[in-house]
Protein backbone atom coordinates (compact mmCIF):
# COMPACT_ATOMS: atom_id res chain seq x y z
CA MET A 1 -8.20 -45.06 54.83
CA VAL A 2 -5.05 -43.09 55.54
CA GLU A 3 -4.20 -39.55 56.74
CA LYS A 4 -1.20 -37.20 56.23
CA VAL A 5 -0.33 -33.81 57.51
CA SER A 6 1.98 -31.13 56.21
CA LEU A 7 5.34 -29.81 57.57
CA GLN A 8 3.44 -26.62 58.71
CA HIS A 9 0.84 -28.51 60.97
CA PRO A 10 1.39 -27.42 64.52
CA ASP A 11 2.07 -31.02 65.60
CA LYS A 12 4.62 -31.46 62.91
CA ILE A 13 6.25 -28.19 63.91
CA ALA A 14 6.63 -29.63 67.38
CA ASP A 15 8.10 -32.85 65.90
CA ARG A 16 10.51 -31.11 63.86
CA ILE A 17 11.98 -28.89 66.69
CA ALA A 18 12.26 -32.16 68.72
CA GLY A 19 14.03 -33.87 65.62
CA ALA A 20 16.31 -30.87 65.03
CA LEU A 21 17.45 -30.88 68.83
CA VAL A 22 18.30 -34.71 68.59
CA ASP A 23 20.38 -33.76 65.56
CA TYR A 24 22.01 -31.07 67.53
CA ALA A 25 22.86 -33.52 70.33
CA TYR A 26 24.53 -35.82 67.97
CA THR A 27 26.91 -33.11 66.68
CA LEU A 28 28.12 -32.90 70.37
CA GLU A 29 28.29 -36.68 71.21
CA THR A 30 28.67 -39.75 69.26
CA ASN A 31 26.04 -41.60 71.12
CA PRO A 32 24.14 -38.99 73.10
CA LYS A 33 21.08 -39.80 75.32
CA ILE A 34 18.02 -37.39 74.73
CA ALA A 35 14.45 -37.07 75.09
CA VAL A 36 12.61 -33.93 73.85
CA GLU A 37 9.04 -32.73 74.43
CA VAL A 38 7.70 -29.67 72.56
CA LEU A 39 4.38 -27.87 73.05
CA LEU A 40 3.73 -24.76 71.22
CA GLY A 41 1.07 -22.56 70.05
CA HIS A 42 -0.33 -18.92 70.20
CA GLY A 43 3.20 -17.21 70.33
CA ASP A 44 4.67 -19.65 72.87
CA CYS A 45 6.98 -22.61 72.60
CA LYS A 46 7.71 -24.79 75.75
CA ILE A 47 10.53 -27.32 75.40
CA ILE A 48 11.66 -29.94 78.03
CA ILE A 49 15.00 -31.83 77.27
CA GLU A 50 16.49 -34.66 79.19
CA THR A 51 19.91 -35.26 77.84
CA SER A 52 23.51 -36.39 78.48
CA ALA A 53 24.77 -33.66 75.96
CA LEU A 54 25.68 -30.14 76.87
CA LEU A 55 23.23 -28.19 74.80
CA ASP A 56 23.56 -24.48 74.44
CA SER A 57 20.52 -22.43 75.36
CA LYS A 58 21.07 -19.93 72.43
CA LYS A 59 21.43 -22.75 69.90
CA ILE A 60 18.12 -24.34 71.15
CA THR A 61 16.33 -21.03 70.72
CA GLU A 62 17.79 -20.42 67.28
CA ILE A 63 16.28 -24.06 66.21
CA ALA A 64 13.01 -23.26 67.38
CA HIS A 65 12.91 -19.95 65.70
CA ARG A 66 14.25 -21.51 62.41
CA ILE A 67 11.27 -23.93 62.46
CA ALA A 68 8.53 -22.07 64.05
CA GLY A 69 9.23 -18.53 63.34
CA LYS A 70 11.27 -15.74 64.97
CA ASP A 71 8.12 -14.26 66.71
CA ILE A 72 7.69 -17.40 69.00
CA ALA A 73 8.80 -16.89 72.69
CA VAL A 74 10.80 -20.08 73.55
CA ASP A 75 10.89 -21.35 77.13
CA CYS A 76 13.13 -24.31 77.57
CA LEU A 77 14.15 -26.55 80.54
CA VAL A 78 17.23 -28.81 80.15
CA VAL A 79 17.90 -31.45 82.79
CA PRO A 80 20.48 -34.39 82.90
CA GLN A 81 19.41 -37.82 82.08
CA ASP A 82 18.51 -40.01 84.97
CA GLU A 83 21.55 -41.55 86.47
CA TYR A 84 20.05 -45.06 86.60
CA LEU A 85 18.98 -44.82 83.05
CA ALA A 86 22.41 -43.59 81.99
CA ALA A 87 23.94 -46.49 83.78
CA ASN A 88 21.86 -48.99 81.76
CA GLN A 89 23.93 -47.86 78.65
CA GLU A 90 27.48 -47.79 80.00
CA GLU A 91 28.91 -51.14 78.97
CA GLU A 92 26.94 -51.71 75.75
CA ILE A 93 24.01 -50.46 73.67
CA ARG A 94 20.84 -51.97 75.43
CA CYS A 95 17.15 -51.09 74.99
CA GLY A 96 16.27 -48.03 76.70
CA ASP A 97 12.63 -48.81 77.64
CA ASN A 98 9.92 -51.49 77.51
CA GLY A 99 8.07 -51.42 74.22
CA ILE A 100 5.92 -53.06 71.57
CA PHE A 101 6.42 -52.40 67.84
CA LYS A 102 4.62 -53.41 64.57
CA GLY A 103 5.98 -52.85 61.05
CA VAL A 104 3.54 -52.92 58.08
CA PRO A 105 4.02 -52.99 54.38
CA LEU A 106 2.74 -49.66 52.92
CA THR A 107 -0.27 -50.02 50.61
CA ALA A 108 -0.67 -48.33 47.26
CA GLU A 109 -3.08 -45.89 48.71
CA GLN A 110 -0.68 -44.95 51.49
CA ARG A 111 1.99 -44.31 48.82
CA GLN A 112 -0.26 -42.18 46.71
CA LEU A 113 -1.06 -39.99 49.64
CA ASN A 114 2.63 -39.64 50.57
CA THR A 115 3.21 -38.23 46.92
CA ILE A 116 -0.02 -36.09 46.99
CA ALA A 117 0.78 -34.54 50.43
CA LYS A 118 4.47 -33.69 49.16
CA ASP A 119 2.98 -32.23 45.97
CA LEU A 120 0.43 -30.00 47.75
CA TYR A 121 3.17 -28.84 50.16
CA LYS A 122 5.38 -27.93 47.36
CA LYS A 123 2.57 -25.79 45.81
CA TRP A 124 1.31 -24.45 49.13
CA PRO A 125 3.92 -24.72 51.92
CA SER A 126 1.40 -24.06 54.80
CA ASP A 127 -0.67 -26.02 57.34
CA GLY A 128 -2.50 -28.99 55.59
CA LYS A 129 -4.32 -32.22 56.37
CA TYR A 130 -5.15 -34.93 53.79
CA ILE A 131 -7.02 -38.17 53.70
CA ILE A 132 -7.60 -40.71 51.12
CA ASP A 133 -10.64 -43.20 51.92
CA ASP A 134 -11.35 -45.70 49.03
CA GLY A 135 -10.16 -43.38 46.49
CA LYS A 136 -11.77 -40.31 47.68
CA LEU A 137 -9.38 -37.53 48.67
CA ILE A 138 -10.23 -35.02 51.49
CA VAL A 139 -7.93 -32.04 51.38
CA CYS A 140 -7.71 -29.27 54.01
CA GLN A 141 -5.10 -27.00 52.85
CA SER A 142 -4.68 -23.65 54.52
CA ASN A 143 -3.87 -20.27 52.75
CA ALA A 144 -5.20 -21.53 49.51
CA LYS A 145 -8.32 -21.03 47.41
CA SER A 146 -10.39 -24.20 46.97
CA LYS A 147 -10.86 -23.76 43.36
CA GLN A 148 -7.09 -23.47 42.77
CA ILE A 149 -6.45 -26.54 44.75
CA GLU A 150 -9.22 -28.49 42.61
CA LYS A 151 -7.58 -27.46 39.40
CA PHE A 152 -4.14 -28.52 40.60
CA LEU A 153 -5.44 -31.96 41.60
CA LYS A 154 -7.29 -32.50 38.31
CA LYS A 155 -4.14 -31.44 36.44
CA GLN A 156 -1.77 -33.64 38.47
CA TYR A 157 -3.90 -36.71 39.01
CA GLY A 158 -6.87 -36.76 36.94
CA SER A 159 -8.88 -39.81 37.13
CA SER A 160 -6.53 -41.61 39.54
CA LEU A 161 -8.93 -40.55 42.31
CA ASN A 162 -12.58 -41.11 42.68
CA SER A 163 -13.41 -37.69 43.84
CA TYR A 164 -12.18 -34.75 45.83
CA VAL A 165 -13.67 -32.89 48.87
CA ILE A 166 -11.56 -29.64 49.46
CA ASN A 167 -11.75 -27.48 52.60
CA PRO A 168 -15.06 -28.80 53.63
CA LEU A 169 -15.44 -26.11 56.33
CA GLY A 170 -14.34 -23.24 54.05
CA GLU A 171 -10.90 -21.64 53.50
CA TRP A 172 -8.61 -21.24 56.54
CA THR A 173 -5.28 -19.85 57.76
CA GLY A 174 -3.94 -22.63 60.04
CA GLY A 175 -0.72 -22.63 61.85
CA THR A 176 0.35 -22.02 65.45
CA ASN A 177 -1.32 -18.74 65.67
CA VAL A 178 -4.72 -20.58 65.66
CA ASP A 179 -3.90 -23.97 66.75
CA CYS A 180 -1.40 -25.78 69.15
CA GLY A 181 1.11 -28.62 68.62
CA ALA A 182 2.57 -31.32 70.56
CA THR A 183 5.46 -33.81 69.91
CA ASN A 184 4.32 -37.30 68.69
CA ARG A 185 0.65 -36.38 68.28
CA LYS A 186 0.47 -37.26 64.57
CA LEU A 187 2.02 -40.78 64.52
CA GLY A 188 -0.81 -41.94 62.45
CA SER A 189 0.52 -39.72 59.72
CA ASP A 190 4.24 -40.83 60.32
CA MET A 191 3.70 -44.48 60.85
CA PHE A 192 0.47 -45.35 58.93
CA ASP A 193 -0.90 -48.81 60.23
CA ALA A 194 2.07 -49.53 62.31
CA VAL A 195 1.22 -47.36 65.17
CA THR A 196 1.51 -49.27 68.39
CA GLY A 197 3.29 -47.98 71.59
CA GLY A 198 5.76 -45.19 72.05
CA GLY A 199 6.62 -42.14 70.21
CA LEU A 200 8.88 -41.78 67.13
CA HIS A 201 10.28 -38.27 67.53
CA GLY A 202 12.67 -36.24 69.97
CA LYS A 203 14.62 -39.50 71.10
CA ASP A 204 18.20 -40.97 70.40
CA LEU A 205 18.70 -44.10 68.77
CA SER A 206 19.07 -46.15 71.97
CA LYS A 207 15.34 -45.78 72.44
CA GLY A 208 13.46 -48.76 70.94
CA ASP A 209 10.73 -46.28 70.08
CA VAL A 210 12.92 -44.96 67.52
CA SER A 211 15.40 -47.81 66.40
CA ILE A 212 12.92 -50.88 66.50
CA ASN A 213 10.06 -48.89 64.93
CA ILE A 214 12.49 -48.03 61.92
CA TYR A 215 13.84 -51.51 61.90
CA ALA A 216 10.19 -52.99 62.03
CA PHE A 217 9.03 -50.80 59.24
CA LEU A 218 11.96 -51.49 57.02
CA LYS A 219 11.58 -55.31 57.73
CA ALA A 220 8.03 -55.07 56.73
CA GLN A 221 8.61 -53.37 53.30
CA ALA A 222 11.40 -55.97 52.48
CA THR A 223 9.43 -58.97 53.51
CA LYS A 224 5.82 -57.67 52.57
CA LYS A 225 4.64 -59.05 55.93
CA VAL A 226 3.47 -57.44 59.14
CA ILE A 227 6.25 -57.63 61.61
CA LYS A 228 5.50 -57.65 65.36
CA LEU A 229 8.33 -57.20 68.06
CA SER A 230 8.76 -56.41 71.61
CA CYS A 231 11.50 -55.56 74.07
CA ALA A 232 12.12 -54.97 77.71
CA ILE A 233 14.38 -52.21 79.19
CA GLY A 234 17.95 -53.54 79.08
CA ASP A 235 17.47 -56.29 76.39
CA THR A 236 20.37 -56.78 74.15
CA ILE A 237 18.73 -59.22 71.79
CA VAL A 238 15.71 -58.21 69.61
CA ASP A 239 14.31 -60.14 66.74
CA ASN A 240 17.05 -62.71 67.34
CA ARG A 241 19.69 -60.15 66.45
CA PRO A 242 21.91 -57.93 68.69
CA TYR A 243 20.06 -54.78 69.56
CA SER A 244 23.34 -52.90 68.62
CA GLU A 245 22.83 -54.09 64.98
CA ILE A 246 19.25 -52.75 65.02
CA VAL A 247 20.58 -49.36 66.19
CA GLU A 248 23.12 -49.30 63.52
CA ILE A 249 20.38 -50.20 60.90
CA ALA A 250 18.36 -47.29 62.08
CA LYS A 251 21.27 -45.01 62.25
CA GLU A 252 22.00 -45.73 58.70
CA TYR A 253 18.32 -45.03 57.81
CA ILE A 254 18.59 -41.59 59.58
CA LYS A 255 21.69 -40.86 57.89
CA THR A 256 20.02 -41.60 54.45
CA ILE A 257 17.13 -39.37 54.98
CA GLY A 258 19.17 -36.60 56.30
CA GLY A 259 18.62 -36.68 60.17
CA PHE A 260 16.02 -36.76 62.77
CA GLU A 261 14.46 -33.44 61.62
CA LYS A 262 13.89 -34.99 58.27
CA LEU A 263 12.26 -38.14 59.81
CA ALA A 264 9.97 -35.67 61.61
CA GLU A 265 8.97 -33.93 58.38
CA TRP A 266 7.21 -36.79 56.66
CA GLY A 267 7.64 -39.80 58.90
CA LEU A 268 8.75 -43.21 57.95
CA GLN A 269 9.42 -43.42 54.12
CA ASP A 270 10.00 -46.45 52.08
CA LEU A 271 13.89 -46.54 51.14
CA ARG A 272 14.89 -49.73 49.47
CA VAL A 273 18.50 -49.05 50.05
CA SER A 274 17.98 -50.10 53.70
CA TYR A 275 16.59 -53.42 53.00
CA ILE A 276 19.82 -55.33 52.60
CA ALA A 277 20.89 -54.89 56.31
CA VAL A 278 17.52 -55.69 57.67
CA SER A 279 17.07 -58.87 55.32
CA LYS A 280 20.21 -60.56 56.62
């Protein structure tokens, strides 16, 4: 059983804003320290940012409006990163927090739902939630007629699915005008069976929640084994390799997919190009 949500789900909108703000910080500093929390809904967007980078308030608002819509009111608090945490990274890149992590090879069902979710979003770019359970597809797609969705699915996938359940509570509008969203609330959609501790979005690469999660995911795809890792704040070695190497692997992955906002769109994706560095 696996779930995926679309880019216009309120929680994904929050993740995407957080990711875009991390991207922005990386345009200002080579190795910024940043953590972002976003809560939005019903016309309001609250953002709290702890960062080493000097972010422009106008640019922050522009990012939020681009992703969530120009009608949303943006209230943002930006504060410096804690001086003791900042000192932890002064001499070399070290783990920014305690954490436990798990990488799990993607199943055929998970890969299939990734494809279905993207196809549905391309056809109907609005709020959506999708589940596959033993070949049975459950689609909750806003702003679409159920009969149109069924016709589309039959044409695209035919007998590859056992059955469909479409909008079981009826047709709906969705979005932030009828629901609220928060950062890192859809990690099951982003990480599938790999969900452990910590959030994936709104943080720079010094945070293990980002870099080690990406590394564990890539290693699991490369080895076809479940990968379990842990770190303590200040660690310089994880999985018998320098933490700085893990950060570089994660950085290359982020670069390959197009940035932190792109990571927030669909979560961890299977990119075989990144396996070589992980497998060394």
